[in-house]
Amino acid sequence: MTIAYEPTDFNELTVLFRWKGTIFPRVLLRPAIWFLLSAHIGFYYLHMYRHDVEMPTLAWKLVLVPTSLLTFFLVFYSGNCFSRYYGFYNKCMGMSGCVMAWTGLLRVHFPSADAQTLFNLSRYMVASVYLLYFQLGGSASDGGKNVVESEWQVLIQTGLIGGDEADRLKAYKGFRPFLLQVWALNCLKARLASDDKKAPGAALGPFQAEALKLSGLASDIVDQLSQPVPFPYYHTLTLMLSLNLIMMAYSAIEFETIMTIPCFFIVCMVCLGLKETAVALADPFGGDDVDFETELYMANMLSSTMAIISPSADFPGVTLPLVSGHKALEAARGK
């Protein structure tokens, strides 16, 4: 989940005692930093106390050349991950905006419709975003790729879909959020054909534009997640990081002071922390400290939808069965 903070709440001393949401758990709870630190201590012991062991000299200046390359690759990789992270955030906010625009258009185009009718015309759009978030990073054991039963129950209990609709979605092998958006357009089309009190100029076009925009944003997120930063680049960065830290662990013994141990520890923690943070930012859907609070996004979107439909938002979320064609027209007319 995203950690909310104020920069003025911390200073150079208090930041040392913060654990949650920092690089400390991501680095200190993994064996890499302790292996590197142990290697440096071992090299230092052999150099200082085992004079029978010949330790070839590795001048510190020689280490500066590959370290400069590492700095470039690490900064470039981190920058790409940051851009990817904020790109995902903008798309998430864009999806919420599409749902709000859809709901607002309903109020304008159907001014005489009751709150329950407006909710039923908007619930499929809201459900499509819910379902996308569940697929991206829900509570499923394989990282959210499958929607678990508890998540289906969230959709049903909030009134966004009915039990029969959930069964249809489970059986569908394609992109489920898009199917829900198609259902929303079908229901809206039937309502436009049957509502004699709709606003002048009411048409399917504006709603179709919002549905297609929402579909495009959802597809962009899924497509970008399925195409991570190219593995050869990531492998090169990780290899350079490991080799550079090993060389630094060896070269630092030439200073012949025990203070190289805490200095090397800090270097390892910063370098590994930057790399681990960049990796976490590359996929912000899940349970990491830097991941999006999609539960909050969904709750705010649903509450905003209800507030737009009815200021009191006191109507129950009763679902209606999905119908099409002349059946939808008859159902909308109350036949």
C-alpha atoms as a PDB file:
ATOM      1  CA  MET A   1       0.000   0.000   0.000  1.00  0.00           C
ATOM      2  CA  THR A   2       1.090   3.566  -0.621  1.00  0.00           C
ATOM      3  CA  ILE A   3       2.675   5.203   2.427  1.00  0.00           C
ATOM      4  CA  ALA A   4       1.304   8.690   3.055  1.00  0.00           C
ATOM      5  CA  TYR A   5       3.815  11.056   4.620  1.00  0.00           C
ATOM      6  CA  GLU A   6       4.803  14.686   5.015  1.00  0.00           C
ATOM      7  CA  PRO A   7       8.452  15.532   4.247  1.00  0.00           C
ATOM      8  CA  THR A   8       8.496  17.941   7.198  1.00  0.00           C
ATOM      9  CA  ASP A   9       7.691  15.071   9.593  1.00  0.00           C
ATOM     10  CA  PHE A  10      11.209  13.669   9.191  1.00  0.00           C
ATOM     11  CA  ASN A  11      14.716  14.963   9.565  1.00  0.00           C
ATOM     12  CA  GLU A  12      18.186  13.469   9.168  1.00  0.00           C
ATOM     13  CA  LEU A  13      17.930  11.755  12.569  1.00  0.00           C
ATOM     14  CA  THR A  14      14.324  10.573  12.824  1.00  0.00           C
ATOM     15  CA  VAL A  15      14.485   8.975   9.383  1.00  0.00           C
ATOM     16  CA  LEU A  16      16.953   6.444  10.810  1.00  0.00           C
ATOM     17  CA  PHE A  17      14.276   5.016  13.101  1.00  0.00           C
ATOM     18  CA  ARG A  18      11.563   4.488  10.478  1.00  0.00           C
ATOM     19  CA  TRP A  19      11.105   0.881   9.335  1.00  0.00           C
ATOM     20  CA  LYS A  20       7.789   0.443   7.522  1.00  0.00           C
ATOM     21  CA  GLY A  21       7.817   1.577   3.924  1.00  0.00           C
ATOM     22  CA  THR A  22      11.581   2.169   3.821  1.00  0.00           C
ATOM     23  CA  ILE A  23      14.401   0.340   2.091  1.00  0.00           C
ATOM     24  CA  PHE A  24      15.430  -1.256   5.393  1.00  0.00           C
ATOM     25  CA  PRO A  25      13.115  -4.309   5.247  1.00  0.00           C
ATOM     26  CA  ARG A  26      13.655  -4.767   1.506  1.00  0.00           C
ATOM     27  CA  VAL A  27      17.443  -4.861   1.953  1.00  0.00           C
ATOM     28  CA  LEU A  28      18.221  -5.967   5.508  1.00  0.00           C
ATOM     29  CA  LEU A  29      15.882  -8.966   5.399  1.00  0.00           C
ATOM     30  CA  ARG A  30      17.592 -10.405   2.334  1.00  0.00           C
ATOM     31  CA  PRO A  31      20.867 -12.364   2.333  1.00  0.00           C
ATOM     32  CA  ALA A  32      22.665 -10.360  -0.368  1.00  0.00           C
ATOM     33  CA  ILE A  33      23.808  -7.466   1.840  1.00  0.00           C
ATOM     34  CA  TRP A  34      25.005  -9.802   4.589  1.00  0.00           C
ATOM     35  CA  PHE A  35      26.938 -11.921   2.098  1.00  0.00           C
ATOM     36  CA  LEU A  36      28.668  -8.825   0.732  1.00  0.00           C
ATOM     37  CA  LEU A  37      29.442  -7.491   4.195  1.00  0.00           C
ATOM     38  CA  SER A  38      30.812 -10.889   5.257  1.00  0.00           C
ATOM     39  CA  ALA A  39      33.001 -10.937   2.155  1.00  0.00           C
ATOM     40  CA  HIS A  40      34.461  -7.537   3.016  1.00  0.00           C
ATOM     41  CA  ILE A  41      35.108  -8.568   6.625  1.00  0.00           C
ATOM     42  CA  GLY A  42      36.791 -11.749   5.397  1.00  0.00           C
ATOM     43  CA  PHE A  43      39.012  -9.823   2.980  1.00  0.00           C
ATOM     44  CA  TYR A  44      39.871  -7.338   5.732  1.00  0.00           C
ATOM     45  CA  TYR A  45      40.799 -10.123   8.171  1.00  0.00           C
ATOM     46  CA  LEU A  46      43.056 -11.859   5.660  1.00  0.00           C
ATOM     47  CA  HIS A  47      44.760  -8.591   4.742  1.00  0.00           C
ATOM     48  CA  MET A  48      45.313  -7.336   8.285  1.00  0.00           C
ATOM     49  CA  TYR A  49      45.896 -10.488  10.324  1.00  0.00           C
ATOM     50  CA  ARG A  50      46.980 -13.257   7.973  1.00  0.00           C
ATOM     51  CA  HIS A  51      50.303 -12.126   6.674  1.00  0.00           C
ATOM     52  CA  ASP A  52      50.973 -15.613   5.365  1.00  0.00           C
ATOM     53  CA  VAL A  53      48.202 -15.082   2.790  1.00  0.00           C
ATOM     54  CA  GLU A  54      49.190 -12.942  -0.171  1.00  0.00           C
ATOM     55  CA  MET A  55      46.407 -10.498  -1.116  1.00  0.00           C
ATOM     56  CA  PRO A  56      46.931  -8.911  -4.564  1.00  0.00           C
ATOM     57  CA  THR A  57      46.440  -5.151  -4.632  1.00  0.00           C
ATOM     58  CA  LEU A  58      43.323  -3.715  -6.282  1.00  0.00           C
ATOM     59  CA  ALA A  59      43.743   0.051  -6.402  1.00  0.00           C
ATOM     60  CA  TRP A  60      40.666   2.045  -5.480  1.00  0.00           C
ATOM     61  CA  LYS A  61      41.017   4.143  -8.640  1.00  0.00           C
ATOM     62  CA  LEU A  62      40.491   1.051 -10.778  1.00  0.00           C
ATOM     63  CA  VAL A  63      37.143   0.436  -9.121  1.00  0.00           C
ATOM     64  CA  LEU A  64      35.931   3.938  -9.989  1.00  0.00           C
ATOM     65  CA  VAL A  65      35.617   3.120 -13.716  1.00  0.00           C
ATOM     66  CA  PRO A  66      33.057   0.270 -13.428  1.00  0.00           C
ATOM     67  CA  THR A  67      31.395   2.150 -10.554  1.00  0.00           C
ATOM     68  CA  SER A  68      30.709   5.068 -12.894  1.00  0.00           C
ATOM     69  CA  LEU A  69      29.048   2.681 -15.360  1.00  0.00           C
ATOM     70  CA  LEU A  70      27.002   1.157 -12.545  1.00  0.00           C
ATOM     71  CA  THR A  71      25.790   4.600 -11.470  1.00  0.00           C
ATOM     72  CA  PHE A  72      24.604   5.356 -14.989  1.00  0.00           C
ATOM     73  CA  PHE A  73      22.774   2.045 -15.383  1.00  0.00           C
ATOM     74  CA  LEU A  74      21.226   2.228 -11.908  1.00  0.00           C
ATOM     75  CA  VAL A  75      19.945   5.784 -12.380  1.00  0.00           C
ATOM     76  CA  PHE A  76      18.648   5.022 -15.877  1.00  0.00           C
ATOM     77  CA  TYR A  77      16.851   1.863 -14.731  1.00  0.00           C
ATOM     78  CA  SER A  78      15.356   3.635 -11.712  1.00  0.00           C
ATOM     79  CA  GLY A  79      14.176   6.501 -13.917  1.00  0.00           C
ATOM     80  CA  ASN A  80      12.407   4.116 -16.275  1.00  0.00           C
ATOM     81  CA  CYS A  81      10.700   2.370 -13.369  1.00  0.00           C
ATOM     82  CA  PHE A  82       9.595   5.698 -11.872  1.00  0.00           C
ATOM     83  CA  SER A  83       8.124   6.760 -15.224  1.00  0.00           C
ATOM     84  CA  ARG A  84       6.380   3.403 -15.536  1.00  0.00           C
ATOM     85  CA  TYR A  85       5.012   3.758 -11.978  1.00  0.00           C
ATOM     86  CA  TYR A  86       3.503   7.196 -12.496  1.00  0.00           C
ATOM     87  CA  GLY A  87       2.205   6.146 -15.899  1.00  0.00           C
ATOM     88  CA  PHE A  88       0.238   3.367 -14.195  1.00  0.00           C
ATOM     89  CA  TYR A  89      -1.046   5.850 -11.611  1.00  0.00           C
ATOM     90  CA  ASN A  90      -2.293   8.242 -14.291  1.00  0.00           C
ATOM     91  CA  LYS A  91      -4.110   5.398 -16.031  1.00  0.00           C
ATOM     92  CA  CYS A  92      -5.762   4.319 -12.771  1.00  0.00           C
ATOM     93  CA  MET A  93      -6.972   7.843 -12.134  1.00  0.00           C
ATOM     94  CA  GLY A  94      -8.083   8.042 -15.760  1.00  0.00           C
ATOM     95  CA  MET A  95     -10.265   4.959 -15.345  1.00  0.00           C
ATOM     96  CA  SER A  96     -11.950   6.507 -12.308  1.00  0.00           C
ATOM     97  CA  GLY A  97     -12.486   9.658 -14.357  1.00  0.00           C
ATOM     98  CA  CYS A  98     -14.156   7.688 -17.145  1.00  0.00           C
ATOM     99  CA  VAL A  99     -16.595   6.112 -14.690  1.00  0.00           C
ATOM    100  CA  MET A 100     -17.387   9.519 -13.190  1.00  0.00           C
ATOM    101  CA  ALA A 101     -17.948  10.981 -16.654  1.00  0.00           C
ATOM    102  CA  TRP A 102     -20.233   8.059 -17.567  1.00  0.00           C
ATOM    103  CA  THR A 103     -22.296   8.565 -14.403  1.00  0.00           C
ATOM    104  CA  GLY A 104     -22.483  12.317 -14.938  1.00  0.00           C
ATOM    105  CA  LEU A 105     -23.716  11.789 -18.495  1.00  0.00           C
ATOM    106  CA  LEU A 106     -26.450   9.519 -17.144  1.00  0.00           C
ATOM    107  CA  ARG A 107     -27.727  12.305 -14.901  1.00  0.00           C
ATOM    108  CA  VAL A 108     -27.729  14.730 -17.832  1.00  0.00           C
ATOM    109  CA  HIS A 109     -29.260  12.440 -20.463  1.00  0.00           C
ATOM    110  CA  PHE A 110     -31.868  10.848 -18.169  1.00  0.00           C
ATOM    111  CA  PRO A 111     -32.966  13.661 -15.830  1.00  0.00           C
ATOM    112  CA  SER A 112     -36.208  11.961 -14.838  1.00  0.00           C
ATOM    113  CA  ALA A 113     -34.748   8.510 -14.147  1.00  0.00           C
ATOM    114  CA  ASP A 114     -34.757   7.318 -10.535  1.00  0.00           C
ATOM    115  CA  ALA A 115     -31.600   6.508  -8.620  1.00  0.00           C
ATOM    116  CA  GLN A 116     -32.035   2.751  -8.956  1.00  0.00           C
ATOM    117  CA  THR A 117     -32.277   2.966 -12.729  1.00  0.00           C
ATOM    118  CA  LEU A 118     -29.189   5.166 -12.949  1.00  0.00           C
ATOM    119  CA  PHE A 119     -27.268   2.779 -10.724  1.00  0.00           C
ATOM    120  CA  ASN A 120     -28.177  -0.172 -12.900  1.00  0.00           C
ATOM    121  CA  LEU A 121     -26.993   1.741 -15.954  1.00  0.00           C
ATOM    122  CA  SER A 122     -23.639   2.498 -14.331  1.00  0.00           C
ATOM    123  CA  ARG A 123     -22.864  -0.590 -12.273  1.00  0.00           C
ATOM    124  CA  TYR A 124     -21.275  -2.556 -15.127  1.00  0.00           C
ATOM    125  CA  MET A 125     -18.760   0.225 -15.728  1.00  0.00           C
ATOM    126  CA  VAL A 126     -17.823   0.314 -12.041  1.00  0.00           C
ATOM    127  CA  ALA A 127     -17.639  -3.491 -11.953  1.00  0.00           C
ATOM    128  CA  SER A 128     -15.258  -3.537 -14.919  1.00  0.00           C
ATOM    129  CA  VAL A 129     -12.711  -1.463 -12.977  1.00  0.00           C
ATOM    130  CA  TYR A 130     -13.192  -3.583  -9.853  1.00  0.00           C
ATOM    131  CA  LEU A 131     -12.616  -6.754 -11.832  1.00  0.00           C
ATOM    132  CA  LEU A 132      -9.511  -5.328 -13.489  1.00  0.00           C
ATOM    133  CA  TYR A 133      -7.962  -4.467 -10.123  1.00  0.00           C
ATOM    134  CA  PHE A 134      -8.794  -7.932  -8.807  1.00  0.00           C
ATOM    135  CA  GLN A 135      -7.055  -9.493 -11.809  1.00  0.00           C
ATOM    136  CA  LEU A 136      -4.000  -7.262 -11.459  1.00  0.00           C
ATOM    137  CA  GLY A 137      -3.262  -7.590  -7.778  1.00  0.00           C
ATOM    138  CA  GLY A 138      -6.039  -9.118  -5.763  1.00  0.00           C
ATOM    139  CA  SER A 139      -5.795 -11.699  -3.018  1.00  0.00           C
ATOM    140  CA  ALA A 140      -5.242 -14.664  -5.347  1.00  0.00           C
ATOM    141  CA  SER A 141      -2.266 -16.844  -4.477  1.00  0.00           C
ATOM    142  CA  ASP A 142      -0.638 -16.365  -7.869  1.00  0.00           C
ATOM    143  CA  GLY A 143      -0.421 -12.592  -7.601  1.00  0.00           C
ATOM    144  CA  GLY A 144      -3.953 -11.657  -8.596  1.00  0.00           C
ATOM    145  CA  LYS A 145      -4.064 -13.258 -12.043  1.00  0.00           C
ATOM    146  CA  ASN A 146      -7.088 -15.258 -10.910  1.00  0.00           C
ATOM    147  CA  VAL A 147     -10.124 -13.750  -9.227  1.00  0.00           C
ATOM    148  CA  VAL A 148     -10.840 -15.645  -6.016  1.00  0.00           C
ATOM    149  CA  GLU A 149     -14.302 -16.331  -4.640  1.00  0.00           C
ATOM    150  CA  SER A 150     -14.042 -13.642  -1.964  1.00  0.00           C
ATOM    151  CA  GLU A 151     -13.482 -11.062  -4.696  1.00  0.00           C
ATOM    152  CA  TRP A 152     -16.465 -12.301  -6.672  1.00  0.00           C
ATOM    153  CA  GLN A 153     -18.498 -11.900  -3.478  1.00  0.00           C
ATOM    154  CA  VAL A 154     -17.370  -8.272  -3.203  1.00  0.00           C
ATOM    155  CA  LEU A 155     -18.809  -7.616  -6.657  1.00  0.00           C
ATOM    156  CA  ILE A 156     -22.066  -9.383  -5.772  1.00  0.00           C
ATOM    157  CA  GLN A 157     -22.547  -7.898  -2.315  1.00  0.00           C
ATOM    158  CA  THR A 158     -21.956  -4.354  -3.533  1.00  0.00           C
ATOM    159  CA  GLY A 159     -24.693  -4.896  -6.113  1.00  0.00           C
ATOM    160  CA  LEU A 160     -22.378  -4.410  -9.082  1.00  0.00           C
ATOM    161  CA  ILE A 161     -23.197  -7.800 -10.613  1.00  0.00           C
ATOM    162  CA  GLY A 162     -25.652 -10.578  -9.906  1.00  0.00           C
ATOM    163  CA  GLY A 163     -24.928 -14.230  -9.262  1.00  0.00           C
ATOM    164  CA  ASP A 164     -25.851 -15.303 -12.796  1.00  0.00           C
ATOM    165  CA  GLU A 165     -23.708 -12.527 -14.230  1.00  0.00           C
ATOM    166  CA  ALA A 166     -20.785 -13.693 -12.095  1.00  0.00           C
ATOM    167  CA  ASP A 167     -21.190 -17.198 -13.546  1.00  0.00           C
ATOM    168  CA  ARG A 168     -21.124 -15.794 -17.083  1.00  0.00           C
ATOM    169  CA  LEU A 169     -17.998 -13.801 -16.314  1.00  0.00           C
ATOM    170  CA  LYS A 170     -16.258 -16.817 -14.776  1.00  0.00           C
ATOM    171  CA  ALA A 171     -16.977 -18.851 -17.891  1.00  0.00           C
ATOM    172  CA  TYR A 172     -15.786 -16.104 -20.230  1.00  0.00           C
ATOM    173  CA  LYS A 173     -12.244 -16.705 -21.515  1.00  0.00           C
ATOM    174  CA  GLY A 174     -11.603 -13.245 -22.915  1.00  0.00           C
ATOM    175  CA  PHE A 175     -10.905  -9.878 -21.286  1.00  0.00           C
ATOM    176  CA  ARG A 176     -13.660  -9.707 -18.674  1.00  0.00           C
ATOM    177  CA  PRO A 177     -13.568  -5.940 -17.977  1.00  0.00           C
ATOM    178  CA  PHE A 178     -14.281  -5.257 -21.657  1.00  0.00           C
ATOM    179  CA  LEU A 179     -17.228  -7.684 -21.602  1.00  0.00           C
ATOM    180  CA  LEU A 180     -18.722  -5.704 -18.720  1.00  0.00           C
ATOM    181  CA  GLN A 181     -18.302  -2.483 -20.686  1.00  0.00           C
ATOM    182  CA  VAL A 182     -20.140  -4.072 -23.624  1.00  0.00           C
ATOM    183  CA  TRP A 183     -22.956  -5.045 -21.252  1.00  0.00           C
ATOM    184  CA  ALA A 184     -23.104  -1.444 -20.042  1.00  0.00           C
ATOM    185  CA  LEU A 185     -23.452  -0.136 -23.600  1.00  0.00           C
ATOM    186  CA  ASN A 186     -26.144  -2.703 -24.412  1.00  0.00           C
ATOM    187  CA  CYS A 187     -28.213  -1.714 -21.380  1.00  0.00           C
ATOM    188  CA  LEU A 188     -27.770   1.967 -22.189  1.00  0.00           C
ATOM    189  CA  LYS A 189     -28.804   1.420 -25.792  1.00  0.00           C
ATOM    190  CA  ALA A 190     -32.011  -0.252 -24.627  1.00  0.00           C
ATOM    191  CA  ARG A 191     -32.706   2.593 -22.202  1.00  0.00           C
ATOM    192  CA  LEU A 192     -32.203   5.241 -24.883  1.00  0.00           C
ATOM    193  CA  ALA A 193     -34.714   3.442 -27.079  1.00  0.00           C
ATOM    194  CA  SER A 194     -37.333   3.153 -24.351  1.00  0.00           C
ATOM    195  CA  ASP A 195     -37.077   6.386 -22.321  1.00  0.00           C
ATOM    196  CA  ASP A 196     -39.519   8.969 -23.691  1.00  0.00           C
ATOM    197  CA  LYS A 197     -38.357  11.514 -21.112  1.00  0.00           C
ATOM    198  CA  LYS A 198     -34.693  11.461 -22.004  1.00  0.00           C
ATOM    199  CA  ALA A 199     -32.974  14.797 -22.562  1.00  0.00           C
ATOM    200  CA  PRO A 200     -32.980  16.321 -26.080  1.00  0.00           C
ATOM    201  CA  GLY A 201     -29.979  15.120 -28.034  1.00  0.00           C
ATOM    202  CA  ALA A 202     -29.388  12.117 -25.787  1.00  0.00           C
ATOM    203  CA  ALA A 203     -27.364   9.588 -27.760  1.00  0.00           C
ATOM    204  CA  LEU A 204     -25.049   6.629 -27.401  1.00  0.00           C
ATOM    205  CA  GLY A 205     -21.992   8.461 -28.757  1.00  0.00           C
ATOM    206  CA  PRO A 206     -20.714  10.211 -25.581  1.00  0.00           C
ATOM    207  CA  PHE A 207     -21.138   7.028 -23.546  1.00  0.00           C
ATOM    208  CA  GLN A 208     -19.391   4.970 -26.186  1.00  0.00           C
ATOM    209  CA  ALA A 209     -16.465   7.383 -26.118  1.00  0.00           C
ATOM    210  CA  GLU A 210     -16.075   6.990 -22.346  1.00  0.00           C
ATOM    211  CA  ALA A 211     -16.394   3.203 -22.569  1.00  0.00           C
ATOM    212  CA  LEU A 212     -13.746   2.995 -25.271  1.00  0.00           C
ATOM    213  CA  LYS A 213     -11.464   5.328 -23.325  1.00  0.00           C
ATOM    214  CA  LEU A 214     -11.856   3.171 -20.227  1.00  0.00           C
ATOM    215  CA  SER A 215     -11.201   0.039 -22.258  1.00  0.00           C
ATOM    216  CA  GLY A 216      -8.076   1.604 -23.730  1.00  0.00           C
ATOM    217  CA  LEU A 217      -6.690   2.572 -20.318  1.00  0.00           C
ATOM    218  CA  ALA A 218      -7.380  -0.901 -18.908  1.00  0.00           C
ATOM    219  CA  SER A 219      -5.752  -2.577 -21.908  1.00  0.00           C
ATOM    220  CA  ASP A 220      -2.717  -0.302 -21.646  1.00  0.00           C
ATOM    221  CA  ILE A 221      -2.185  -1.317 -18.022  1.00  0.00           C
ATOM    222  CA  VAL A 222      -2.484  -5.027 -18.765  1.00  0.00           C
ATOM    223  CA  ASP A 223      -0.272  -4.819 -21.859  1.00  0.00           C
ATOM    224  CA  GLN A 224       2.423  -2.797 -20.115  1.00  0.00           C
ATOM    225  CA  LEU A 225       2.491  -5.158 -17.142  1.00  0.00           C
ATOM    226  CA  SER A 226       2.931  -8.118 -19.476  1.00  0.00           C
ATOM    227  CA  GLN A 227       5.956  -6.378 -21.031  1.00  0.00           C
ATOM    228  CA  PRO A 228       8.423  -5.665 -18.198  1.00  0.00           C
ATOM    229  CA  VAL A 229      11.773  -3.941 -18.534  1.00  0.00           C
ATOM    230  CA  PRO A 230      13.749  -6.209 -20.931  1.00  0.00           C
ATOM    231  CA  PHE A 231      15.454  -9.005 -19.012  1.00  0.00           C
ATOM    232  CA  PRO A 232      18.916  -8.579 -20.613  1.00  0.00           C
ATOM    233  CA  TYR A 233      18.992  -4.998 -19.330  1.00  0.00           C
ATOM    234  CA  TYR A 234      17.874  -6.045 -15.857  1.00  0.00           C
ATOM    235  CA  HIS A 235      20.408  -8.896 -15.845  1.00  0.00           C
ATOM    236  CA  THR A 236      23.192  -6.536 -16.893  1.00  0.00           C
ATOM    237  CA  LEU A 237      22.295  -4.100 -14.117  1.00  0.00           C
ATOM    238  CA  THR A 238      22.156  -6.845 -11.474  1.00  0.00           C
ATOM    239  CA  LEU A 239      25.429  -8.360 -12.678  1.00  0.00           C
ATOM    240  CA  MET A 240      27.191  -4.994 -12.648  1.00  0.00           C
ATOM    241  CA  LEU A 241      25.833  -4.249  -9.176  1.00  0.00           C
ATOM    242  CA  SER A 242      27.040  -7.567  -7.767  1.00  0.00           C
ATOM    243  CA  LEU A 243      30.497  -7.392  -9.375  1.00  0.00           C
ATOM    244  CA  ASN A 244      31.037  -3.752  -8.398  1.00  0.00           C
ATOM    245  CA  LEU A 245      30.138  -4.358  -4.781  1.00  0.00           C
ATOM    246  CA  ILE A 246      32.438  -7.385  -4.653  1.00  0.00           C
ATOM    247  CA  MET A 247      35.303  -5.321  -6.089  1.00  0.00           C
ATOM    248  CA  MET A 248      34.587  -2.532  -3.621  1.00  0.00           C
ATOM    249  CA  ALA A 249      34.543  -5.057  -0.782  1.00  0.00           C
ATOM    250  CA  TYR A 250      38.023  -6.177  -1.821  1.00  0.00           C
ATOM    251  CA  SER A 251      39.542  -2.834  -2.772  1.00  0.00           C
ATOM    252  CA  ALA A 252      38.461  -1.101   0.451  1.00  0.00           C
ATOM    253  CA  ILE A 253      40.852  -3.228   2.519  1.00  0.00           C
ATOM    254  CA  GLU A 254      43.727  -1.100   1.180  1.00  0.00           C
ATOM    255  CA  PHE A 255      42.614   1.702   3.520  1.00  0.00           C
ATOM    256  CA  GLU A 256      43.601  -0.612   6.401  1.00  0.00           C
ATOM    257  CA  THR A 257      41.012   0.687   8.836  1.00  0.00           C
ATOM    258  CA  ILE A 258      38.084  -1.049  10.458  1.00  0.00           C
ATOM    259  CA  MET A 259      35.907   1.945   9.557  1.00  0.00           C
ATOM    260  CA  THR A 260      35.632   0.580   6.024  1.00  0.00           C
ATOM    261  CA  ILE A 261      33.109  -1.951   7.379  1.00  0.00           C
ATOM    262  CA  PRO A 262      30.339   0.561   8.258  1.00  0.00           C
ATOM    263  CA  CYS A 263      31.167   2.629   5.160  1.00  0.00           C
ATOM    264  CA  PHE A 264      30.866  -0.398   2.891  1.00  0.00           C
ATOM    265  CA  PHE A 265      27.632  -1.405   4.654  1.00  0.00           C
ATOM    266  CA  ILE A 266      26.099   2.002   3.852  1.00  0.00           C
ATOM    267  CA  VAL A 267      27.183   1.788   0.208  1.00  0.00           C
ATOM    268  CA  CYS A 268      25.619  -1.670  -0.114  1.00  0.00           C
ATOM    269  CA  MET A 269      22.391  -0.587   1.556  1.00  0.00           C
ATOM    270  CA  VAL A 270      21.966   2.451  -0.711  1.00  0.00           C
ATOM    271  CA  CYS A 271      22.812   0.630  -3.963  1.00  0.00           C
ATOM    272  CA  LEU A 272      20.698  -2.423  -3.172  1.00  0.00           C
ATOM    273  CA  GLY A 273      17.914  -0.183  -1.840  1.00  0.00           C
ATOM    274  CA  LEU A 274      17.733   1.785  -5.076  1.00  0.00           C
ATOM    275  CA  LYS A 275      17.610  -1.398  -7.100  1.00  0.00           C
ATOM    276  CA  GLU A 276      14.932  -3.027  -4.918  1.00  0.00           C
ATOM    277  CA  THR A 277      12.824   0.148  -4.940  1.00  0.00           C
ATOM    278  CA  ALA A 278      12.998   0.338  -8.730  1.00  0.00           C
ATOM    279  CA  VAL A 279      11.935  -3.319  -9.004  1.00  0.00           C
ATOM    280  CA  ALA A 280       8.947  -2.665  -6.721  1.00  0.00           C
ATOM    281  CA  LEU A 281       7.908   0.394  -8.730  1.00  0.00           C
ATOM    282  CA  ALA A 282       7.901  -1.595 -11.974  1.00  0.00           C
ATOM    283  CA  ASP A 283       4.749  -3.463 -10.839  1.00  0.00           C
ATOM    284  CA  PRO A 284       2.688  -1.328  -8.433  1.00  0.00           C
ATOM    285  CA  PHE A 285      -0.223  -3.772  -8.143  1.00  0.00           C
ATOM    286  CA  GLY A 286       0.027  -6.030  -5.118  1.00  0.00           C
ATOM    287  CA  GLY A 287       0.934  -5.788  -1.457  1.00  0.00           C
ATOM    288  CA  ASP A 288       4.300  -4.012  -1.452  1.00  0.00           C
ATOM    289  CA  ASP A 289       4.771  -0.773   0.451  1.00  0.00           C
ATOM    290  CA  VAL A 290       4.958   1.220  -2.787  1.00  0.00           C
ATOM    291  CA  ASP A 291       1.994  -0.479  -4.458  1.00  0.00           C
ATOM    292  CA  PHE A 292      -1.246   1.348  -5.169  1.00  0.00           C
ATOM    293  CA  GLU A 293      -4.108   1.244  -2.686  1.00  0.00           C
ATOM    294  CA  THR A 294      -6.500  -0.176  -5.238  1.00  0.00           C
ATOM    295  CA  GLU A 295      -9.021  -0.995  -2.491  1.00  0.00           C
ATOM    296  CA  LEU A 296      -9.224   2.721  -1.724  1.00  0.00           C
ATOM    297  CA  TYR A 297      -9.496   3.596  -5.420  1.00  0.00           C
ATOM    298  CA  MET A 298     -12.415   1.177  -5.812  1.00  0.00           C
ATOM    299  CA  ALA A 299     -14.218   2.335  -2.681  1.00  0.00           C
ATOM    300  CA  ASN A 300     -13.887   6.009  -3.638  1.00  0.00           C
ATOM    301  CA  MET A 301     -15.102   5.315  -7.169  1.00  0.00           C
ATOM    302  CA  LEU A 302     -18.197   3.471  -5.951  1.00  0.00           C
ATOM    303  CA  SER A 303     -19.050   6.086  -3.327  1.00  0.00           C
ATOM    304  CA  SER A 304     -18.582   8.890  -5.853  1.00  0.00           C
ATOM    305  CA  THR A 305     -20.817   7.093  -8.328  1.00  0.00           C
ATOM    306  CA  MET A 306     -23.573   6.762  -5.754  1.00  0.00           C
ATOM    307  CA  ALA A 307     -23.166  10.384  -4.697  1.00  0.00           C
ATOM    308  CA  ILE A 308     -23.550  11.575  -8.296  1.00  0.00           C
ATOM    309  CA  ILE A 309     -26.601   9.388  -8.824  1.00  0.00           C
ATOM    310  CA  SER A 310     -28.299  10.335  -5.582  1.00  0.00           C
ATOM    311  CA  PRO A 311     -26.984  12.879  -3.065  1.00  0.00           C
ATOM    312  CA  SER A 312     -28.449  10.826  -0.223  1.00  0.00           C
ATOM    313  CA  ALA A 313     -27.164   7.530  -1.678  1.00  0.00           C
ATOM    314  CA  ASP A 314     -29.812   5.685   0.320  1.00  0.00           C
ATOM    315  CA  PHE A 315     -30.979   3.284  -2.382  1.00  0.00           C
ATOM    316  CA  PRO A 316     -30.130  -0.436  -2.220  1.00  0.00           C
ATOM    317  CA  GLY A 317     -27.787  -1.944  -4.787  1.00  0.00           C
ATOM    318  CA  VAL A 318     -30.273  -4.397  -6.279  1.00  0.00           C
ATOM    319  CA  THR A 319     -29.028  -5.973  -9.480  1.00  0.00           C
ATOM    320  CA  LEU A 320     -31.055  -6.719 -12.576  1.00  0.00           C
ATOM    321  CA  PRO A 321     -30.541  -9.710 -14.885  1.00  0.00           C
ATOM    322  CA  LEU A 322     -28.644  -9.099 -18.086  1.00  0.00           C
ATOM    323  CA  VAL A 323     -30.989  -9.053 -21.084  1.00  0.00           C
ATOM    324  CA  SER A 324     -30.591  -8.032 -24.682  1.00  0.00           C
ATOM    325  CA  GLY A 325     -32.531  -7.224 -27.812  1.00  0.00           C
ATOM    326  CA  HIS A 326     -36.322  -6.924 -27.581  1.00  0.00           C
ATOM    327  CA  LYS A 327     -36.244  -8.426 -24.071  1.00  0.00           C
ATOM    328  CA  ALA A 328     -34.168  -5.492 -22.878  1.00  0.00           C
ATOM    329  CA  LEU A 329     -36.632  -3.087 -24.463  1.00  0.00           C
ATOM    330  CA  GLU A 330     -39.585  -4.810 -22.801  1.00  0.00           C
ATOM    331  CA  ALA A 331     -37.803  -4.902 -19.429  1.00  0.00           C
ATOM    332  CA  ALA A 332     -36.991  -1.198 -19.650  1.00  0.00           C
ATOM    333  CA  ARG A 333     -40.686  -0.449 -20.397  1.00  0.00           C
ATOM    334  CA  GLY A 334     -41.787  -2.549 -17.451  1.00  0.00           C
ATOM    335  CA  LYS A 335     -43.533  -5.222 -19.536  1.00  0.00           C
END
